[in-house]
PDB file of N, CA and C in Angstrom:
ATOM      1  N   MET A   1     -55.671-104.502 -37.825  1.00  0.00           N
ATOM      2  CA  MET A   1     -55.401-105.052 -36.432  1.00  0.00           C
ATOM      3  C   MET A   1     -55.318-103.921 -35.494  1.00  0.00           C
ATOM      4  N   SER A   2     -56.011-103.837 -34.299  1.00  0.00           N
ATOM      5  CA  SER A   2     -55.885-102.897 -33.305  1.00  0.00           C
ATOM      6  C   SER A   2     -54.414-102.925 -32.746  1.00  0.00           C
ATOM      7  N   LYS A   3     -54.154-101.728 -32.275  1.00  0.00           N
ATOM      8  CA  LYS A   3     -52.735-101.641 -31.584  1.00  0.00           C
ATOM      9  C   LYS A   3     -52.582-102.742 -30.588  1.00  0.00           C
ATOM     10  N   LYS A   4     -53.722-102.805 -29.467  1.00  0.00           N
ATOM     11  CA  LYS A   4     -53.619-103.722 -28.556  1.00  0.00           C
ATOM     12  C   LYS A   4     -53.566-105.303 -29.075  1.00  0.00           C
ATOM     13  N   LYS A   5     -54.202-105.558 -29.913  1.00  0.00           N
ATOM     14  CA  LYS A   5     -54.154-106.826 -30.618  1.00  0.00           C
ATOM     15  C   LYS A   5     -52.766-107.172 -31.243  1.00  0.00           C
ATOM     16  N   GLU A   6     -52.304-106.068 -31.903  1.00  0.00           N
ATOM     17  CA  GLU A   6     -50.979-106.025 -32.448  1.00  0.00           C
ATOM     18  C   GLU A   6     -49.818-106.276 -31.403  1.00  0.00           C
ATOM     19  N   LYS A   7     -50.017-105.679 -30.435  1.00  0.00           N
ATOM     20  CA  LYS A   7     -49.044-105.664 -29.268  1.00  0.00           C
ATOM     21  C   LYS A   7     -49.201-107.202 -28.550  1.00  0.00           C
ATOM     22  N   GLU A   8     -50.316-107.600 -28.421  1.00  0.00           N
ATOM     23  CA  GLU A   8     -50.438-109.049 -27.831  1.00  0.00           C
ATOM     24  C   GLU A   8     -49.890-109.989 -28.858  1.00  0.00           C
ATOM     25  N   ALA A   9     -49.922-109.769 -30.156  1.00  0.00           N
ATOM     26  CA  ALA A   9     -49.516-110.665 -30.977  1.00  0.00           C
ATOM     27  C   ALA A   9     -48.070-110.831 -31.181  1.00  0.00           C
ATOM     28  N   GLU A  10     -47.265-109.811 -30.751  1.00  0.00           N
ATOM     29  CA  GLU A  10     -45.951-109.634 -30.755  1.00  0.00           C
ATOM     30  C   GLU A  10     -45.207-110.279 -29.412  1.00  0.00           C
ATOM     31  N   LYS A  11     -44.747-111.478 -29.560  1.00  0.00           N
ATOM     32  CA  LYS A  11     -44.119-112.098 -28.364  1.00  0.00           C
ATOM     33  C   LYS A  11     -42.661-111.870 -28.704  1.00  0.00           C
ATOM     34  N   PHE A  12     -41.983-110.986 -27.776  1.00  0.00           N
ATOM     35  CA  PHE A  12     -40.413-111.162 -28.158  1.00  0.00           C
ATOM     36  C   PHE A  12     -39.809-112.060 -27.661  1.00  0.00           C
ATOM     37  N   PRO A  13     -38.745-112.761 -28.326  1.00  0.00           N
ATOM     38  CA  PRO A  13     -38.010-114.007 -27.943  1.00  0.00           C
ATOM     39  C   PRO A  13     -36.895-113.649 -26.924  1.00  0.00           C
ATOM     40  N   VAL A  14     -37.328-113.383 -25.608  1.00  0.00           N
ATOM     41  CA  VAL A  14     -36.294-113.095 -24.603  1.00  0.00           C
ATOM     42  C   VAL A  14     -35.978-114.361 -23.723  1.00  0.00           C
ATOM     43  N   TYR A  15     -35.223-114.179 -22.934  1.00  0.00           N
ATOM     44  CA  TYR A  15     -34.873-115.375 -22.125  1.00  0.00           C
ATOM     45  C   TYR A  15     -35.920-115.885 -21.220  1.00  0.00           C
ATOM     46  N   ASP A  16     -36.215-116.938 -21.033  1.00  0.00           N
ATOM     47  CA  ASP A  16     -37.351-117.458 -20.352  1.00  0.00           C
ATOM     48  C   ASP A  16     -37.619-116.802 -18.905  1.00  0.00           C
ATOM     49  N   GLU A  17     -36.479-116.426 -18.284  1.00  0.00           N
ATOM     50  CA  GLU A  17     -36.533-115.980 -16.703  1.00  0.00           C
ATOM     51  C   GLU A  17     -36.844-114.544 -16.706  1.00  0.00           C
ATOM     52  N   LEU A  18     -37.317-113.861 -17.925  1.00  0.00           N
ATOM     53  CA  LEU A  18     -37.527-112.390 -17.835  1.00  0.00           C
ATOM     54  C   LEU A  18     -39.200-112.379 -18.042  1.00  0.00           C
ATOM     55  N   ILE A  19     -39.722-111.141 -17.382  1.00  0.00           N
ATOM     56  CA  ILE A  19     -40.924-110.834 -17.809  1.00  0.00           C
ATOM     57  C   ILE A  19     -40.832-109.642 -18.748  1.00  0.00           C
ATOM     58  N   VAL A  20     -41.614-109.656 -19.801  1.00  0.00           N
ATOM     59  CA  VAL A  20     -41.564-108.630 -20.798  1.00  0.00           C
ATOM     60  C   VAL A  20     -42.944-107.584 -20.248  1.00  0.00           C
ATOM     61  N   HIS A  21     -42.684-106.385 -20.000  1.00  0.00           N
ATOM     62  CA  HIS A  21     -43.543-105.515 -19.524  1.00  0.00           C
ATOM     63  C   HIS A  21     -44.166-104.682 -20.644  1.00  0.00           C
ATOM     64  N   ASP A  22     -43.315-104.499 -21.695  1.00  0.00           N
ATOM     65  CA  ASP A  22     -43.749-103.763 -22.927  1.00  0.00           C
ATOM     66  C   ASP A  22     -42.414-103.897 -23.945  1.00  0.00           C
ATOM     67  N   GLY A  23     -42.755-103.402 -25.135  1.00  0.00           N
ATOM     68  CA  GLY A  23     -41.811-103.458 -26.011  1.00  0.00           C
ATOM     69  C   GLY A  23     -42.390-102.926 -27.369  1.00  0.00           C
ATOM     70  N   LYS A  24     -41.518-102.494 -28.085  1.00  0.00           N
ATOM     71  CA  LYS A  24     -41.699-101.850 -29.525  1.00  0.00           C
ATOM     72  C   LYS A  24     -40.795-102.331 -30.625  1.00  0.00           C
ATOM     73  N   THR A  25     -41.303-102.935 -31.623  1.00  0.00           N
ATOM     74  CA  THR A  25     -40.389-103.316 -32.747  1.00  0.00           C
ATOM     75  C   THR A  25     -40.022-101.983 -33.659  1.00  0.00           C
ATOM     76  N   ILE A  26     -38.548-102.087 -33.727  1.00  0.00           N
ATOM     77  CA  ILE A  26     -38.121-100.966 -34.574  1.00  0.00           C
ATOM     78  C   ILE A  26     -38.068-101.312 -36.002  1.00  0.00           C
ATOM     79  N   THR A  27     -37.563-102.580 -36.197  1.00  0.00           N
ATOM     80  CA  THR A  27     -37.506-103.038 -37.659  1.00  0.00           C
ATOM     81  C   THR A  27     -37.553-104.720 -37.689  1.00  0.00           C
ATOM     82  N   LYS A  28     -38.217-105.146 -38.518  1.00  0.00           N
ATOM     83  CA  LYS A  28     -38.268-106.649 -38.643  1.00  0.00           C
ATOM     84  C   LYS A  28     -38.392-107.173 -40.223  1.00  0.00           C
ATOM     85  N   THR A  29     -37.432-107.902 -40.497  1.00  0.00           N
ATOM     86  CA  THR A  29     -37.590-108.585 -41.873  1.00  0.00           C
ATOM     87  C   THR A  29     -37.618-109.878 -41.535  1.00  0.00           C
ATOM     88  N   LYS A  30     -37.323-110.769 -42.695  1.00  0.00           N
ATOM     89  CA  LYS A  30     -37.462-112.038 -42.632  1.00  0.00           C
ATOM     90  C   LYS A  30     -36.110-112.786 -41.953  1.00  0.00           C
ATOM     91  N   LYS A  31     -35.073-112.023 -41.851  1.00  0.00           N
ATOM     92  CA  LYS A  31     -33.702-112.406 -41.119  1.00  0.00           C
ATOM     93  C   LYS A  31     -33.608-111.627 -39.911  1.00  0.00           C
ATOM     94  N   TRP A  32     -33.829-110.493 -39.946  1.00  0.00           N
ATOM     95  CA  TRP A  32     -33.427-109.375 -38.719  1.00  0.00           C
ATOM     96  C   TRP A  32     -34.624-108.986 -38.008  1.00  0.00           C
ATOM     97  N   TRP A  33     -34.452-108.670 -36.679  1.00  0.00           N
ATOM     98  CA  TRP A  33     -35.639-108.081 -35.883  1.00  0.00           C
ATOM     99  C   TRP A  33     -34.912-107.305 -34.711  1.00  0.00           C
ATOM    100  N   ARG A  34     -35.200-106.121 -34.746  1.00  0.00           N
ATOM    101  CA  ARG A  34     -34.634-105.162 -33.831  1.00  0.00           C
ATOM    102  C   ARG A  34     -35.757-104.341 -32.939  1.00  0.00           C
ATOM    103  N   ALA A  35     -35.633-104.475 -31.641  1.00  0.00           N
ATOM    104  CA  ALA A  35     -36.868-103.959 -30.937  1.00  0.00           C
ATOM    105  C   ALA A  35     -36.191-103.331 -29.354  1.00  0.00           C
ATOM    106  N   VAL A  36     -37.032-102.462 -28.849  1.00  0.00           N
ATOM    107  CA  VAL A  36     -36.726-101.888 -27.568  1.00  0.00           C
ATOM    108  C   VAL A  36     -37.786-102.552 -26.749  1.00  0.00           C
ATOM    109  N   VAL A  37     -37.200-103.187 -25.693  1.00  0.00           N
ATOM    110  CA  VAL A  37     -38.090-104.114 -24.826  1.00  0.00           C
ATOM    111  C   VAL A  37     -37.810-103.594 -23.208  1.00  0.00           C
ATOM    112  N   VAL A  38     -39.037-103.595 -22.457  1.00  0.00           N
ATOM    113  CA  VAL A  38     -38.854-103.388 -21.028  1.00  0.00           C
ATOM    114  C   VAL A  38     -38.996-104.705 -20.418  1.00  0.00           C
ATOM    115  N   THR A  39     -37.880-105.116 -19.647  1.00  0.00           N
ATOM    116  CA  THR A  39     -38.118-106.366 -18.989  1.00  0.00           C
ATOM    117  C   THR A  39     -37.625-106.520 -17.618  1.00  0.00           C
ATOM    118  N   SER A  40     -37.990-107.355 -16.808  1.00  0.00           N
ATOM    119  CA  SER A  40     -37.424-107.534 -15.499  1.00  0.00           C
ATOM    120  C   SER A  40     -37.335-108.939 -15.063  1.00  0.00           C
ATOM    121  N   PRO A  41     -36.435-109.577 -14.324  1.00  0.00           N
ATOM    122  CA  PRO A  41     -36.351-110.783 -14.011  1.00  0.00           C
ATOM    123  C   PRO A  41     -37.481-111.232 -13.288  1.00  0.00           C
ATOM    124  N   LYS A  42     -37.997-112.600 -13.534  1.00  0.00           N
ATOM    125  CA  LYS A  42     -39.149-113.031 -12.674  1.00  0.00           C
ATOM    126  C   LYS A  42     -38.905-113.239 -11.200  1.00  0.00           C
ATOM    127  N   SER A  43     -37.635-113.334 -10.890  1.00  0.00           N
ATOM    128  CA  SER A  43     -37.182-113.238  -9.497  1.00  0.00           C
ATOM    129  C   SER A  43     -37.342-111.849  -8.782  1.00  0.00           C
ATOM    130  N   TYR A  44     -37.351-110.777  -9.539  1.00  0.00           N
ATOM    131  CA  TYR A  44     -37.407-109.536  -9.090  1.00  0.00           C
ATOM    132  C   TYR A  44     -38.281-108.696 -10.012  1.00  0.00           C
ATOM    133  N   PRO A  45     -39.326-108.866 -10.153  1.00  0.00           N
ATOM    134  CA  PRO A  45     -40.267-108.146 -11.167  1.00  0.00           C
ATOM    135  C   PRO A  45     -40.147-106.582 -11.124  1.00  0.00           C
ATOM    136  N   GLY A  46     -39.975-106.001  -9.936  1.00  0.00           N
ATOM    137  CA  GLY A  46     -39.894-104.561  -9.753  1.00  0.00           C
ATOM    138  C   GLY A  46     -38.717-103.895 -10.438  1.00  0.00           C
ATOM    139  N   ARG A  47     -37.657-104.824 -10.704  1.00  0.00           N
ATOM    140  CA  ARG A  47     -36.413-104.108 -11.546  1.00  0.00           C
ATOM    141  C   ARG A  47     -36.476-104.198 -12.910  1.00  0.00           C
ATOM    142  N   LYS A  48     -36.966-103.146 -13.295  1.00  0.00           N
ATOM    143  CA  LYS A  48     -37.415-103.037 -14.956  1.00  0.00           C
ATOM    144  C   LYS A  48     -36.143-102.464 -15.444  1.00  0.00           C
ATOM    145  N   THR A  49     -35.842-103.070 -16.761  1.00  0.00           N
ATOM    146  CA  THR A  49     -34.779-102.428 -17.608  1.00  0.00           C
ATOM    147  C   THR A  49     -35.281-102.344 -19.087  1.00  0.00           C
ATOM    148  N   VAL A  50     -34.711-101.311 -19.553  1.00  0.00           N
ATOM    149  CA  VAL A  50     -34.885-100.840 -20.924  1.00  0.00           C
ATOM    150  C   VAL A  50     -33.779-101.535 -21.787  1.00  0.00           C
ATOM    151  N   SER A  51     -33.960-102.305 -22.804  1.00  0.00           N
ATOM    152  CA  SER A  51     -32.943-102.903 -23.521  1.00  0.00           C
ATOM    153  C   SER A  51     -33.159-102.787 -25.082  1.00  0.00           C
ATOM    154  N   ILE A  52     -32.156-102.717 -25.721  1.00  0.00           N
ATOM    155  CA  ILE A  52     -32.375-102.867 -27.264  1.00  0.00           C
ATOM    156  C   ILE A  52     -31.856-104.206 -27.657  1.00  0.00           C
ATOM    157  N   TYR A  53     -32.844-104.840 -28.318  1.00  0.00           N
ATOM    158  CA  TYR A  53     -32.383-106.379 -28.695  1.00  0.00           C
ATOM    159  C   TYR A  53     -32.179-106.283 -30.335  1.00  0.00           C
ATOM    160  N   GLN A  54     -31.363-107.213 -30.761  1.00  0.00           N
ATOM    161  CA  GLN A  54     -31.453-107.574 -32.247  1.00  0.00           C
ATOM    162  C   GLN A  54     -31.385-109.286 -32.166  1.00  0.00           C
ATOM    163  N   TRP A  55     -32.252-109.585 -32.997  1.00  0.00           N
ATOM    164  CA  TRP A  55     -32.322-111.062 -33.177  1.00  0.00           C
ATOM    165  C   TRP A  55     -32.213-111.495 -34.596  1.00  0.00           C
ATOM    166  N   ARG A  56     -31.559-112.519 -34.922  1.00  0.00           N
ATOM    167  CA  ARG A  56     -31.573-113.093 -36.244  1.00  0.00           C
ATOM    168  C   ARG A  56     -32.370-114.381 -36.399  1.00  0.00           C
ATOM    169  N   TYR A  57     -33.067-114.495 -37.324  1.00  0.00           N
ATOM    170  CA  TYR A  57     -33.934-115.601 -37.703  1.00  0.00           C
ATOM    171  C   TYR A  57     -32.907-116.985 -38.053  1.00  0.00           C
ATOM    172  N   ASP A  58     -33.004-117.961 -37.300  1.00  0.00           N
ATOM    173  CA  ASP A  58     -32.349-119.249 -37.633  1.00  0.00           C
ATOM    174  C   ASP A  58     -33.323-120.107 -38.288  1.00  0.00           C
ATOM    175  N   PRO A  59     -33.130-120.428 -39.750  1.00  0.00           N
ATOM    176  CA  PRO A  59     -34.123-121.361 -40.346  1.00  0.00           C
ATOM    177  C   PRO A  59     -34.046-122.792 -39.890  1.00  0.00           C
ATOM    178  N   LYS A  60     -32.866-123.208 -39.398  1.00  0.00           N
ATOM    179  CA  LYS A  60     -32.750-124.627 -39.104  1.00  0.00           C
ATOM    180  C   LYS A  60     -33.424-125.022 -37.827  1.00  0.00           C
ATOM    181  N   SER A  61     -33.727-124.024 -36.901  1.00  0.00           N
ATOM    182  CA  SER A  61     -34.334-124.232 -35.691  1.00  0.00           C
ATOM    183  C   SER A  61     -35.759-123.613 -35.768  1.00  0.00           C
ATOM    184  N   ASP A  62     -36.014-122.974 -36.811  1.00  0.00           N
ATOM    185  CA  ASP A  62     -37.217-122.080 -36.931  1.00  0.00           C
ATOM    186  C   ASP A  62     -37.437-121.056 -35.688  1.00  0.00           C
ATOM    187  N   LYS A  63     -36.329-120.499 -35.032  1.00  0.00           N
ATOM    188  CA  LYS A  63     -36.542-119.601 -34.133  1.00  0.00           C
ATOM    189  C   LYS A  63     -35.685-118.321 -34.418  1.00  0.00           C
ATOM    190  N   TRP A  64     -36.004-117.323 -33.591  1.00  0.00           N
ATOM    191  CA  TRP A  64     -35.219-116.166 -33.529  1.00  0.00           C
ATOM    192  C   TRP A  64     -34.279-116.226 -32.444  1.00  0.00           C
ATOM    193  N   LYS A  65     -32.946-115.851 -32.773  1.00  0.00           N
ATOM    194  CA  LYS A  65     -31.851-116.168 -31.764  1.00  0.00           C
ATOM    195  C   LYS A  65     -31.356-114.723 -31.546  1.00  0.00           C
ATOM    196  N   ARG A  66     -30.953-114.352 -30.163  1.00  0.00           N
ATOM    197  CA  ARG A  66     -30.581-113.308 -29.901  1.00  0.00           C
ATOM    198  C   ARG A  66     -29.150-113.080 -30.486  1.00  0.00           C
ATOM    199  N   HIS A  67     -28.974-112.130 -31.202  1.00  0.00           N
ATOM    200  CA  HIS A  67     -27.689-111.741 -31.909  1.00  0.00           C
ATOM    201  C   HIS A  67     -26.998-110.626 -30.945  1.00  0.00           C
ATOM    202  N   ALA A  68     -27.669-109.619 -30.302  1.00  0.00           N
ATOM    203  CA  ALA A  68     -27.280-108.490 -29.569  1.00  0.00           C
ATOM    204  C   ALA A  68     -28.150-107.988 -28.537  1.00  0.00           C
ATOM    205  N   LYS A  69     -27.688-107.546 -27.584  1.00  0.00           N
ATOM    206  CA  LYS A  69     -28.479-106.909 -26.551  1.00  0.00           C
ATOM    207  C   LYS A  69     -27.709-105.846 -25.790  1.00  0.00           C
ATOM    208  N   MET A  70     -28.515-104.640 -25.471  1.00  0.00           N
ATOM    209  CA  MET A  70     -27.739-103.676 -24.827  1.00  0.00           C
ATOM    210  C   MET A  70     -28.724-103.174 -23.714  1.00  0.00           C
ATOM    211  N   ASN A  71     -28.273-102.981 -22.689  1.00  0.00           N
ATOM    212  CA  ASN A  71     -29.193-102.560 -21.523  1.00  0.00           C
ATOM    213  C   ASN A  71     -28.900-101.100 -21.532  1.00  0.00           C
ATOM    214  N   ILE A  72     -30.116-100.297 -21.309  1.00  0.00           N
ATOM    215  CA  ILE A  72     -29.980 -98.763 -21.051  1.00  0.00           C
ATOM    216  C   ILE A  72     -30.379 -98.502 -19.679  1.00  0.00           C
ATOM    217  N   PRO A  73     -29.591 -98.617 -18.666  1.00  0.00           N
ATOM    218  CA  PRO A  73     -29.954 -98.575 -17.296  1.00  0.00           C
ATOM    219  C   PRO A  73     -30.228 -96.975 -16.928  1.00  0.00           C
ATOM    220  N   SER A  74     -29.935 -96.013 -17.590  1.00  0.00           N
ATOM    221  CA  SER A  74     -30.307 -94.669 -17.059  1.00  0.00           C
ATOM    222  C   SER A  74     -30.336 -93.842 -18.250  1.00  0.00           C
ATOM    223  N   LYS A  75     -31.221 -92.563 -17.946  1.00  0.00           N
ATOM    224  CA  LYS A  75     -31.353 -91.707 -19.106  1.00  0.00           C
ATOM    225  C   LYS A  75     -30.197 -90.920 -19.262  1.00  0.00           C
ATOM    226  N   ASP A  76     -29.343 -90.924 -18.276  1.00  0.00           N
ATOM    227  CA  ASP A  76     -27.866 -90.188 -18.580  1.00  0.00           C
ATOM    228  C   ASP A  76     -26.968 -91.010 -19.626  1.00  0.00           C
ATOM    229  N   LEU A  77     -26.975 -92.255 -19.445  1.00  0.00           N
ATOM    230  CA  LEU A  77     -26.208 -93.071 -20.380  1.00  0.00           C
ATOM    231  C   LEU A  77     -26.990 -93.045 -21.833  1.00  0.00           C
ATOM    232  N   TRP A  78     -28.247 -93.014 -21.823  1.00  0.00           N
ATOM    233  CA  TRP A  78     -28.988 -92.911 -23.154  1.00  0.00           C
ATOM    234  C   TRP A  78     -28.807 -91.660 -23.839  1.00  0.00           C
ATOM    235  N   GLU A  79     -28.521 -90.573 -23.078  1.00  0.00           N
ATOM    236  CA  GLU A  79     -28.290 -89.323 -23.671  1.00  0.00           C
ATOM    237  C   GLU A  79     -26.815 -89.338 -24.180  1.00  0.00           C
ATOM    238  N   LYS A  80     -26.008 -89.996 -23.569  1.00  0.00           N
ATOM    239  CA  LYS A  80     -24.624 -90.023 -24.070  1.00  0.00           C
ATOM    240  C   LYS A  80     -24.469 -90.719 -25.332  1.00  0.00           C
ATOM    241  N   ILE A  81     -25.163 -92.071 -25.487  1.00  0.00           N
ATOM    242  CA  ILE A  81     -25.167 -92.644 -26.493  1.00  0.00           C
ATOM    243  C   ILE A  81     -25.807 -91.981 -27.765  1.00  0.00           C
ATOM    244  N   LYS A  82     -27.045 -91.354 -27.341  1.00  0.00           N
ATOM    245  CA  LYS A  82     -27.738 -90.716 -28.518  1.00  0.00           C
ATOM    246  C   LYS A  82     -26.812 -89.594 -29.068  1.00  0.00           C
ATOM    247  N   SER A  83     -26.210 -88.766 -28.147  1.00  0.00           N
ATOM    248  CA  SER A  83     -25.318 -87.642 -28.626  1.00  0.00           C
ATOM    249  C   SER A  83     -24.391 -88.223 -29.487  1.00  0.00           C
ATOM    250  N   ALA A  84     -23.645 -89.189 -29.169  1.00  0.00           N
ATOM    251  CA  ALA A  84     -22.372 -89.754 -30.048  1.00  0.00           C
ATOM    252  C   ALA A  84     -23.143 -90.224 -31.394  1.00  0.00           C
ATOM    253  N   VAL A  85     -24.082 -91.083 -31.357  1.00  0.00           N
ATOM    254  CA  VAL A  85     -24.737 -91.557 -32.689  1.00  0.00           C
ATOM    255  C   VAL A  85     -25.199 -90.381 -33.485  1.00  0.00           C
ATOM    256  N   ASP A  86     -25.957 -89.311 -32.920  1.00  0.00           N
ATOM    257  CA  ASP A  86     -26.205 -88.060 -33.580  1.00  0.00           C
ATOM    258  C   ASP A  86     -25.048 -87.388 -34.346  1.00  0.00           C
ATOM    259  N   GLU A  87     -23.974 -87.180 -33.516  1.00  0.00           N
ATOM    260  CA  GLU A  87     -22.784 -86.589 -34.081  1.00  0.00           C
ATOM    261  C   GLU A  87     -22.195 -87.237 -35.369  1.00  0.00           C
ATOM    262  N   TYR A  88     -22.226 -88.647 -35.132  1.00  0.00           N
ATOM    263  CA  TYR A  88     -21.768 -89.456 -36.345  1.00  0.00           C
ATOM    264  C   TYR A  88     -22.670 -89.473 -37.588  1.00  0.00           C
ATOM    265  N   LEU A  89     -23.808 -89.541 -37.192  1.00  0.00           N
ATOM    266  CA  LEU A  89     -24.859 -89.381 -38.421  1.00  0.00           C
ATOM    267  C   LEU A  89     -24.799 -88.070 -39.079  1.00  0.00           C
ATOM    268  N   GLU A  90     -24.715 -86.932 -38.274  1.00  0.00           N
ATOM    269  CA  GLU A  90     -24.458 -85.408 -38.878  1.00  0.00           C
ATOM    270  C   GLU A  90     -23.294 -85.490 -39.739  1.00  0.00           C
ATOM    271  N   GLN A  91     -22.134 -86.231 -39.156  1.00  0.00           N
ATOM    272  CA  GLN A  91     -20.941 -86.260 -40.033  1.00  0.00           C
ATOM    273  C   GLN A  91     -21.074 -86.829 -41.272  1.00  0.00           C
ATOM    274  N   LEU A  92     -21.700 -88.023 -41.161  1.00  0.00           N
ATOM    275  CA  LEU A  92     -22.100 -88.663 -42.488  1.00  0.00           C
ATOM    276  C   LEU A  92     -23.203 -88.080 -43.319  1.00  0.00           C
ATOM    277  N   GLY A  93     -23.837 -87.085 -42.791  1.00  0.00           N
ATOM    278  CA  GLY A  93     -24.830 -86.325 -43.685  1.00  0.00           C
ATOM    279  C   GLY A  93     -26.210 -87.236 -43.915  1.00  0.00           C
ATOM    280  N   VAL A  94     -26.434 -87.993 -42.747  1.00  0.00           N
ATOM    281  CA  VAL A  94     -27.625 -88.957 -42.934  1.00  0.00           C
ATOM    282  C   VAL A  94     -28.477 -88.501 -41.753  1.00  0.00           C
TER     283      VAL A  94
END
């Protein structure tokens, strides 16, 4: 499958009032799905936000349900998060 078709086939289960501009799946199993998604509100399409999502599959409803979401509003915040995570990963030796 081409990258374009693969991207079109992947519909991220975000809130209906959001426009998905782009996104990349990080991991996906039968139970869990993690992705970085660029969205904006339909009411203000120019206000794009990068978010990290985590969904859990609910077999009863046959839907992916949001388990966690973290907005990354600036590169400065991302660098602080990344630095802290890298520090702990180094301490753990992974």
